[in-house]
C-alpha atoms as a PDB file:
ATOM      1  CA  MET A   1     -17.440  -3.693  -9.660  1.00  0.00           C
ATOM      2  CA  ASP A   2     -14.286  -2.812  -7.758  1.00  0.00           C
ATOM      3  CA  GLU A   3     -14.300   0.912  -6.512  1.00  0.00           C
ATOM      4  CA  ARG A   4     -10.583   1.166  -7.203  1.00  0.00           C
ATOM      5  CA  ILE A   5     -10.642   3.555 -10.312  1.00  0.00           C
ATOM      6  CA  MET A   6      -7.189   4.677 -12.472  1.00  0.00           C
ATOM      7  CA  ASP A   7      -6.641   8.562 -11.721  1.00  0.00           C
ATOM      8  CA  ILE A   8      -6.953   9.232 -15.318  1.00  0.00           C
ATOM      9  CA  ASN A   9      -6.516  12.893 -14.967  1.00  0.00           C
ATOM     10  CA  THR A  10      -2.874  12.303 -13.968  1.00  0.00           C
ATOM     11  CA  LEU A  11      -2.262  10.096 -16.716  1.00  0.00           C
ATOM     12  CA  ARG A  12      -3.406  12.665 -19.084  1.00  0.00           C
ATOM     13  CA  ALA A  13      -1.196  15.298 -17.346  1.00  0.00           C
ATOM     14  CA  LEU A  14       1.768  12.778 -17.936  1.00  0.00           C
ATOM     15  CA  ARG A  15       0.600  12.189 -21.798  1.00  0.00           C
ATOM     16  CA  GLU A  16      -0.542  15.352 -22.423  1.00  0.00           C
ATOM     17  CA  LYS A  17       2.440  16.512 -25.353  1.00  0.00           C
ATOM     18  CA  ALA A  18       3.121  12.667 -26.180  1.00  0.00           C
ATOM     19  CA  ILE A  19       2.045  10.477 -29.143  1.00  0.00           C
ATOM     20  CA  ILE A  20       1.078   7.638 -27.593  1.00  0.00           C
ATOM     21  CA  GLY A  21      -1.646   8.696 -25.057  1.00  0.00           C
ATOM     22  CA  GLY A  22      -2.117  11.683 -26.105  1.00  0.00           C
ATOM     23  CA  GLU A  23      -5.823  11.397 -26.144  1.00  0.00           C
ATOM     24  CA  ILE A  24      -7.260   8.675 -23.781  1.00  0.00           C
ATOM     25  CA  GLU A  25     -11.062   7.845 -23.208  1.00  0.00           C
ATOM     26  CA  HIS A  26     -11.672   5.562 -20.159  1.00  0.00           C
ATOM     27  CA  TYR A  27     -14.422   3.269 -19.346  1.00  0.00           C
ATOM     28  CA  VAL A  28     -15.762   1.494 -16.219  1.00  0.00           C
ATOM     29  CA  GLN A  29     -16.819  -1.556 -17.963  1.00  0.00           C
ATOM     30  CA  VAL A  30     -16.659  -2.542 -21.813  1.00  0.00           C
ATOM     31  CA  ALA A  31     -16.554  -5.378 -23.626  1.00  0.00           C
ATOM     32  CA  SER A  32     -13.132  -5.170 -25.524  1.00  0.00           C
ATOM     33  CA  THR A  33     -10.967  -2.253 -25.737  1.00  0.00           C
ATOM     34  CA  ASN A  34     -10.015  -3.558 -29.223  1.00  0.00           C
ATOM     35  CA  ASP A  35     -12.968  -2.999 -29.882  1.00  0.00           C
ATOM     36  CA  ILE A  36     -13.507   0.280 -29.416  1.00  0.00           C
ATOM     37  CA  ALA A  37      -9.990   1.355 -30.637  1.00  0.00           C
ATOM     38  CA  LEU A  38     -10.928  -0.468 -33.764  1.00  0.00           C
ATOM     39  CA  ALA A  39     -14.210   1.690 -34.175  1.00  0.00           C
ATOM     40  CA  ARG A  40     -12.213   5.039 -33.331  1.00  0.00           C
ATOM     41  CA  GLY A  41      -9.952   4.026 -35.951  1.00  0.00           C
ATOM     42  CA  LYS A  42     -12.207   3.403 -38.687  1.00  0.00           C
ATOM     43  CA  GLY A  43     -13.789   6.861 -37.641  1.00  0.00           C
ATOM     44  CA  GLY A  44     -10.379   8.529 -37.712  1.00  0.00           C
ATOM     45  CA  ALA A  45      -9.035   8.713 -34.718  1.00  0.00           C
ATOM     46  CA  ALA A  46      -6.071  10.415 -33.828  1.00  0.00           C
ATOM     47  CA  GLU A  47      -2.748   8.427 -33.707  1.00  0.00           C
ATOM     48  CA  GLY A  48      -1.821   7.141 -30.152  1.00  0.00           C
ATOM     49  CA  THR A  49      -5.295   7.200 -29.214  1.00  0.00           C
ATOM     50  CA  LEU A  50      -5.830   5.163 -25.754  1.00  0.00           C
ATOM     51  CA  ILE A  51      -8.219   3.303 -24.632  1.00  0.00           C
ATOM     52  CA  ILE A  52      -8.181   2.330 -21.411  1.00  0.00           C
ATOM     53  CA  ALA A  53     -10.899   0.055 -19.180  1.00  0.00           C
ATOM     54  CA  GLU A  54     -11.387  -0.878 -15.644  1.00  0.00           C
ATOM     55  CA  HIS A  55     -12.910  -4.393 -17.033  1.00  0.00           C
ATOM     56  CA  GLN A  56     -14.023  -6.284 -19.808  1.00  0.00           C
ATOM     57  CA  THR A  57     -16.662  -8.658 -20.621  1.00  0.00           C
ATOM     58  CA  ALA A  58     -15.346  -9.823 -23.657  1.00  0.00           C
ATOM     59  CA  GLY A  59     -11.494  -9.502 -23.599  1.00  0.00           C
ATOM     60  CA  ARG A  60      -9.757 -11.260 -26.204  1.00  0.00           C
ATOM     61  CA  GLY A  61      -6.167 -12.775 -27.063  1.00  0.00           C
ATOM     62  CA  ARG A  62      -4.603 -14.549 -29.352  1.00  0.00           C
ATOM     63  CA  TYR A  63      -6.231 -17.262 -31.468  1.00  0.00           C
ATOM     64  CA  GLY A  64      -9.700 -15.523 -29.807  1.00  0.00           C
ATOM     65  CA  ARG A  65      -9.261 -17.024 -26.517  1.00  0.00           C
ATOM     66  CA  LYS A  66     -10.935 -14.993 -24.308  1.00  0.00           C
ATOM     67  CA  TRP A  67      -8.942 -12.977 -21.362  1.00  0.00           C
ATOM     68  CA  GLU A  68     -10.942 -12.879 -17.887  1.00  0.00           C
ATOM     69  CA  ALA A  69      -9.756 -10.153 -15.149  1.00  0.00           C
ATOM     70  CA  PRO A  70     -11.171  -8.863 -12.102  1.00  0.00           C
ATOM     71  CA  PRO A  71     -12.508  -5.181 -12.129  1.00  0.00           C
ATOM     72  CA  GLY A  72      -9.796  -2.545 -10.793  1.00  0.00           C
ATOM     73  CA  LYS A  73      -6.496  -4.860 -11.344  1.00  0.00           C
ATOM     74  CA  CYS A  74      -5.216  -4.931 -14.523  1.00  0.00           C
ATOM     75  CA  ILE A  75      -3.744  -2.882 -17.271  1.00  0.00           C
ATOM     76  CA  LEU A  76      -6.897  -3.302 -19.956  1.00  0.00           C
ATOM     77  CA  ALA A  77      -5.846  -0.879 -22.719  1.00  0.00           C
ATOM     78  CA  SER A  78      -5.571  -0.601 -26.295  1.00  0.00           C
ATOM     79  CA  LEU A  79      -3.887   1.841 -28.919  1.00  0.00           C
ATOM     80  CA  VAL A  80      -4.649   3.480 -32.675  1.00  0.00           C
ATOM     81  CA  LEU A  81      -1.822   3.384 -34.629  1.00  0.00           C
ATOM     82  CA  ARG A  82      -1.556   5.004 -37.829  1.00  0.00           C
ATOM     83  CA  HIS A  83       2.256   3.654 -39.276  1.00  0.00           C
ATOM     84  CA  ARG A  84       1.275   2.023 -42.738  1.00  0.00           C
ATOM     85  CA  LEU A  85       3.012  -1.474 -42.471  1.00  0.00           C
ATOM     86  CA  MET A  86       5.246  -3.186 -45.041  1.00  0.00           C
ATOM     87  CA  ARG A  87       4.610  -6.473 -45.568  1.00  0.00           C
ATOM     88  CA  ALA A  88       8.268  -7.522 -43.785  1.00  0.00           C
ATOM     89  CA  GLN A  89       6.831  -5.387 -40.737  1.00  0.00           C
ATOM     90  CA  VAL A  90       3.564  -7.345 -39.967  1.00  0.00           C
ATOM     91  CA  ALA A  91       4.706  -9.109 -37.284  1.00  0.00           C
ATOM     92  CA  LEU A  92       6.688  -6.174 -35.413  1.00  0.00           C
ATOM     93  CA  PRO A  93       3.852  -4.563 -33.066  1.00  0.00           C
ATOM     94  CA  ASN A  94       3.380  -7.485 -31.398  1.00  0.00           C
ATOM     95  CA  LEU A  95       7.237  -7.613 -30.327  1.00  0.00           C
ATOM     96  CA  ILE A  96       6.961  -3.692 -29.585  1.00  0.00           C
ATOM     97  CA  GLY A  97       4.287  -3.850 -27.539  1.00  0.00           C
ATOM     98  CA  ALA A  98       5.977  -7.085 -25.740  1.00  0.00           C
ATOM     99  CA  ILE A  99       9.305  -5.408 -25.394  1.00  0.00           C
ATOM    100  CA  ALA A 100       7.909  -2.106 -23.635  1.00  0.00           C
ATOM    101  CA  ILE A 101       5.747  -4.390 -21.376  1.00  0.00           C
ATOM    102  CA  ALA A 102       9.236  -6.011 -20.290  1.00  0.00           C
ATOM    103  CA  ARG A 103      11.407  -3.101 -20.407  1.00  0.00           C
ATOM    104  CA  ALA A 104       8.391  -0.798 -17.935  1.00  0.00           C
ATOM    105  CA  ILE A 105       8.151  -3.951 -15.453  1.00  0.00           C
ATOM    106  CA  HIS A 106      11.838  -4.455 -15.083  1.00  0.00           C
ATOM    107  CA  ALA A 107      12.745  -0.530 -14.958  1.00  0.00           C
ATOM    108  CA  THR A 108      10.227  -0.104 -12.158  1.00  0.00           C
ATOM    109  CA  TYR A 109      10.234  -2.532 -10.101  1.00  0.00           C
ATOM    110  CA  ARG A 110      13.464  -4.440 -11.145  1.00  0.00           C
ATOM    111  CA  LEU A 111      11.410  -7.825 -11.583  1.00  0.00           C
ATOM    112  CA  ASP A 112      12.920  -9.975 -14.494  1.00  0.00           C
ATOM    113  CA  ALA A 113      10.400 -10.087 -17.326  1.00  0.00           C
ATOM    114  CA  ARG A 114      10.895 -11.713 -20.518  1.00  0.00           C
ATOM    115  CA  ILE A 115       8.880 -12.174 -23.510  1.00  0.00           C
ATOM    116  CA  LYS A 116       7.802 -15.500 -24.163  1.00  0.00           C
ATOM    117  CA  VAL A 117       7.567 -15.561 -28.272  1.00  0.00           C
ATOM    118  CA  PRO A 118       5.539 -14.174 -29.819  1.00  0.00           C
ATOM    119  CA  ASN A 119       3.398 -12.154 -27.543  1.00  0.00           C
ATOM    120  CA  ASP A 120       3.551 -12.606 -24.255  1.00  0.00           C
ATOM    121  CA  VAL A 121       5.286 -11.148 -21.218  1.00  0.00           C
ATOM    122  CA  ARG A 122       6.033 -13.519 -18.468  1.00  0.00           C
ATOM    123  CA  ILE A 123       7.937 -13.506 -14.914  1.00  0.00           C
ATOM    124  CA  GLY A 124       9.766 -16.258 -13.701  1.00  0.00           C
ATOM    125  CA  LYS A 125       7.906 -18.492 -16.755  1.00  0.00           C
ATOM    126  CA  LYS A 126       4.422 -17.355 -15.697  1.00  0.00           C
ATOM    127  CA  LYS A 127       2.796 -15.062 -17.874  1.00  0.00           C
ATOM    128  CA  VAL A 128       1.819 -11.369 -16.755  1.00  0.00           C
ATOM    129  CA  ALA A 129       0.670 -10.035 -19.725  1.00  0.00           C
ATOM    130  CA  GLY A 130      -0.205 -10.453 -23.301  1.00  0.00           C
ATOM    131  CA  VAL A 131      -0.357  -8.229 -26.924  1.00  0.00           C
ATOM    132  CA  LEU A 132      -2.550  -8.717 -29.457  1.00  0.00           C
ATOM    133  CA  THR A 133      -2.514  -6.342 -32.198  1.00  0.00           C
ATOM    134  CA  GLU A 134      -5.384  -6.411 -35.942  1.00  0.00           C
ATOM    135  CA  LEU A 135      -5.270  -4.722 -38.749  1.00  0.00           C
ATOM    136  CA  ALA A 136      -7.984  -2.101 -39.990  1.00  0.00           C
ATOM    137  CA  TYR A 137      -8.600   0.202 -42.682  1.00  0.00           C
ATOM    138  CA  ASP A 138     -10.672   3.203 -41.981  1.00  0.00           C
ATOM    139  CA  THR A 139     -13.620   5.142 -43.961  1.00  0.00           C
ATOM    140  CA  ARG A 140     -10.749   6.603 -46.357  1.00  0.00           C
ATOM    141  CA  HIS A 141      -9.287   2.838 -47.113  1.00  0.00           C
ATOM    142  CA  GLN A 142      -6.724   3.778 -44.985  1.00  0.00           C
ATOM    143  CA  PRO A 143      -4.760   0.863 -43.044  1.00  0.00           C
ATOM    144  CA  PHE A 144      -4.303   1.404 -38.918  1.00  0.00           C
ATOM    145  CA  PHE A 145      -3.908  -1.081 -36.537  1.00  0.00           C
ATOM    146  CA  VAL A 146      -4.474  -1.710 -32.717  1.00  0.00           C
ATOM    147  CA  LEU A 147      -2.007  -2.374 -30.586  1.00  0.00           C
ATOM    148  CA  GLY A 148      -3.647  -4.137 -27.563  1.00  0.00           C
ATOM    149  CA  PHE A 149      -2.119  -5.307 -24.577  1.00  0.00           C
ATOM    150  CA  GLY A 150      -3.379  -6.651 -20.750  1.00  0.00           C
ATOM    151  CA  VAL A 151      -1.126  -6.860 -17.651  1.00  0.00           C
ATOM    152  CA  ASN A 152      -1.826  -8.675 -14.533  1.00  0.00           C
ATOM    153  CA  VAL A 153      -0.735  -5.847 -11.588  1.00  0.00           C
ATOM    154  CA  ASN A 154      -2.894  -6.280  -8.528  1.00  0.00           C
ATOM    155  CA  LEU A 155      -3.934 -10.033  -8.657  1.00  0.00           C
ATOM    156  CA  VAL A 156      -3.623 -12.342  -6.026  1.00  0.00           C
ATOM    157  CA  LEU A 157      -3.732 -15.939  -6.193  1.00  0.00           C
ATOM    158  CA  ASP A 158      -7.097 -16.587  -5.415  1.00  0.00           C
ATOM    159  CA  ASP A 159      -7.990 -14.171  -8.481  1.00  0.00           C
ATOM    160  CA  PHE A 160      -6.995 -16.827 -10.696  1.00  0.00           C
ATOM    161  CA  PRO A 161      -8.758 -20.031 -11.564  1.00  0.00           C
ATOM    162  CA  PRO A 162      -6.995 -23.568  -9.939  1.00  0.00           C
ATOM    163  CA  GLU A 163      -5.723 -24.576 -13.402  1.00  0.00           C
ATOM    164  CA  LEU A 164      -3.649 -20.863 -13.843  1.00  0.00           C
ATOM    165  CA  HIS A 165      -2.399 -20.764 -10.595  1.00  0.00           C
ATOM    166  CA  GLU A 166       1.377 -22.901 -12.185  1.00  0.00           C
ATOM    167  CA  THR A 167       1.348 -20.946 -15.376  1.00  0.00           C
ATOM    168  CA  ALA A 168      -0.017 -17.172 -14.483  1.00  0.00           C
ATOM    169  CA  THR A 169       1.170 -14.517 -12.029  1.00  0.00           C
ATOM    170  CA  SER A 170       0.737 -10.923 -11.543  1.00  0.00           C
ATOM    171  CA  VAL A 171       3.250  -7.875 -10.891  1.00  0.00           C
ATOM    172  CA  ARG A 172       1.917  -7.633  -7.227  1.00  0.00           C
ATOM    173  CA  LEU A 173       2.419 -11.521  -6.568  1.00  0.00           C
ATOM    174  CA  ALA A 174       5.609 -11.341  -8.306  1.00  0.00           C
ATOM    175  CA  LEU A 175       7.014  -8.529  -5.430  1.00  0.00           C
ATOM    176  CA  SER A 176       5.757 -10.276  -2.617  1.00  0.00           C
ATOM    177  CA  GLU A 177       7.974 -13.452  -4.279  1.00  0.00           C
ATOM    178  CA  VAL A 178      10.742 -11.903  -4.704  1.00  0.00           C
ATOM    179  CA  GLY A 179      10.427  -9.964  -1.272  1.00  0.00           C
ATOM    180  CA  ASN A 180      10.380  -6.768  -2.818  1.00  0.00           C
ATOM    181  CA  ALA A 181       7.026  -5.424  -1.477  1.00  0.00           C
ATOM    182  CA  LEU A 182       7.213  -3.335   0.843  1.00  0.00           C
ATOM    183  CA  ASN A 183       3.699  -4.286   2.143  1.00  0.00           C
ATOM    184  CA  PRO A 184       1.528  -7.245   0.330  1.00  0.00           C
ATOM    185  CA  ASP A 185      -1.302  -5.460   1.277  1.00  0.00           C
ATOM    186  CA  VAL A 186      -0.823  -2.497  -0.900  1.00  0.00           C
ATOM    187  CA  ASP A 187      -1.344  -2.016  -4.444  1.00  0.00           C
ATOM    188  CA  VAL A 188       0.963  -1.753  -7.010  1.00  0.00           C
ATOM    189  CA  CYS A 189       0.221   1.849  -8.966  1.00  0.00           C
ATOM    190  CA  ARG A 190      -1.723   1.310 -12.196  1.00  0.00           C
ATOM    191  CA  VAL A 191      -1.004   4.566 -13.370  1.00  0.00           C
ATOM    192  CA  SER A 192       2.082   4.981 -12.969  1.00  0.00           C
ATOM    193  CA  LEU A 193       3.583   1.163 -14.165  1.00  0.00           C
ATOM    194  CA  LEU A 194       0.793   2.220 -17.684  1.00  0.00           C
ATOM    195  CA  GLN A 195       2.996   5.397 -18.097  1.00  0.00           C
ATOM    196  CA  ALA A 196       6.071   3.567 -17.919  1.00  0.00           C
ATOM    197  CA  ILE A 197       4.580   1.287 -20.464  1.00  0.00           C
ATOM    198  CA  LEU A 198       3.445   4.114 -22.813  1.00  0.00           C
ATOM    199  CA  GLN A 199       6.824   5.608 -22.527  1.00  0.00           C
ATOM    200  CA  GLN A 200       8.796   2.604 -23.656  1.00  0.00           C
ATOM    201  CA  LEU A 201       5.850   2.451 -26.522  1.00  0.00           C
ATOM    202  CA  GLU A 202       6.871   5.732 -27.497  1.00  0.00           C
ATOM    203  CA  ASP A 203      10.465   5.109 -27.778  1.00  0.00           C
ATOM    204  CA  THR A 204       9.871   1.415 -29.694  1.00  0.00           C
ATOM    205  CA  TYR A 205       7.043   2.871 -31.589  1.00  0.00           C
ATOM    206  CA  LEU A 206       9.390   5.414 -32.951  1.00  0.00           C
ATOM    207  CA  GLN A 207      11.767   3.166 -33.859  1.00  0.00           C
ATOM    208  CA  LEU A 208       8.934   1.136 -36.689  1.00  0.00           C
ATOM    209  CA  LYS A 209       8.328   4.398 -38.356  1.00  0.00           C
ATOM    210  CA  ALA A 210      11.644   5.129 -38.887  1.00  0.00           C
ATOM    211  CA  GLY A 211      12.574   1.537 -40.257  1.00  0.00           C
ATOM    212  CA  LYS A 212      14.676   0.646 -37.364  1.00  0.00           C
ATOM    213  CA  THR A 213      13.467  -2.834 -37.826  1.00  0.00           C
ATOM    214  CA  ALA A 214      16.720  -4.177 -36.527  1.00  0.00           C
ATOM    215  CA  LEU A 215      17.055  -2.274 -33.765  1.00  0.00           C
ATOM    216  CA  ILE A 216      14.365  -3.490 -32.710  1.00  0.00           C
ATOM    217  CA  MET A 217      14.807  -7.202 -33.331  1.00  0.00           C
ATOM    218  CA  ASN A 218      17.743  -6.838 -31.312  1.00  0.00           C
ATOM    219  CA  GLN A 219      15.954  -5.141 -28.393  1.00  0.00           C
ATOM    220  CA  PHE A 220      13.700  -8.348 -29.049  1.00  0.00           C
ATOM    221  CA  GLU A 221      16.834 -10.732 -28.257  1.00  0.00           C
ATOM    222  CA  ALA A 222      18.034  -8.755 -25.171  1.00  0.00           C
ATOM    223  CA  TRP A 223      14.532  -9.511 -23.417  1.00  0.00           C
ATOM    224  CA  ARG A 224      13.438 -12.931 -25.288  1.00  0.00           C
ATOM    225  CA  GLU A 225      12.865 -15.723 -22.382  1.00  0.00           C
ATOM    226  CA  VAL A 226      15.842 -18.001 -22.763  1.00  0.00           C
END
């Protein structure tokens, strides 16, 4: 197991008064952060509860595809969100997650991150992140949803299987390719990037709760890959 563990105390301090990430659970290894978030949501966990893992043994993406990553090199997280989605809003959680990730990567590292419909974020046509939303009901029969996301942060080329070398990347790899990395041997700070993503997510989630669908769609078009 990789010993590079996130500084969760710093993240907790940054999110203390926030909705998104106001409550944080951190694990070294889990089967799936989405599974834990679903269980917490069914048990009445607070809005914005965040589940983070250093490693997943059964992480999943869209259509049940397996999400694999070496320990300590990615952001693997899931949020419990309790906004009651209208029928026309069911597709929006994936979009607000992708918008937040793309904006955070760009704002923090000036990388041209773009959204590939429906739930991937790519840099230079290579996938750097994915979003997975799952809907459920709690024990009071109240609907909620889990917004899960994974971001490749400090993976190097050898961390990817050969068949993904042309289609996947990480923030660290993308920085080195454009010459932005001050030292290619130094890891990108996952806590700083996660904090940026969570802040962007809080902004877009509040827009969703306020019914600002047109604003969300405008942002999506602005960050959509062409």
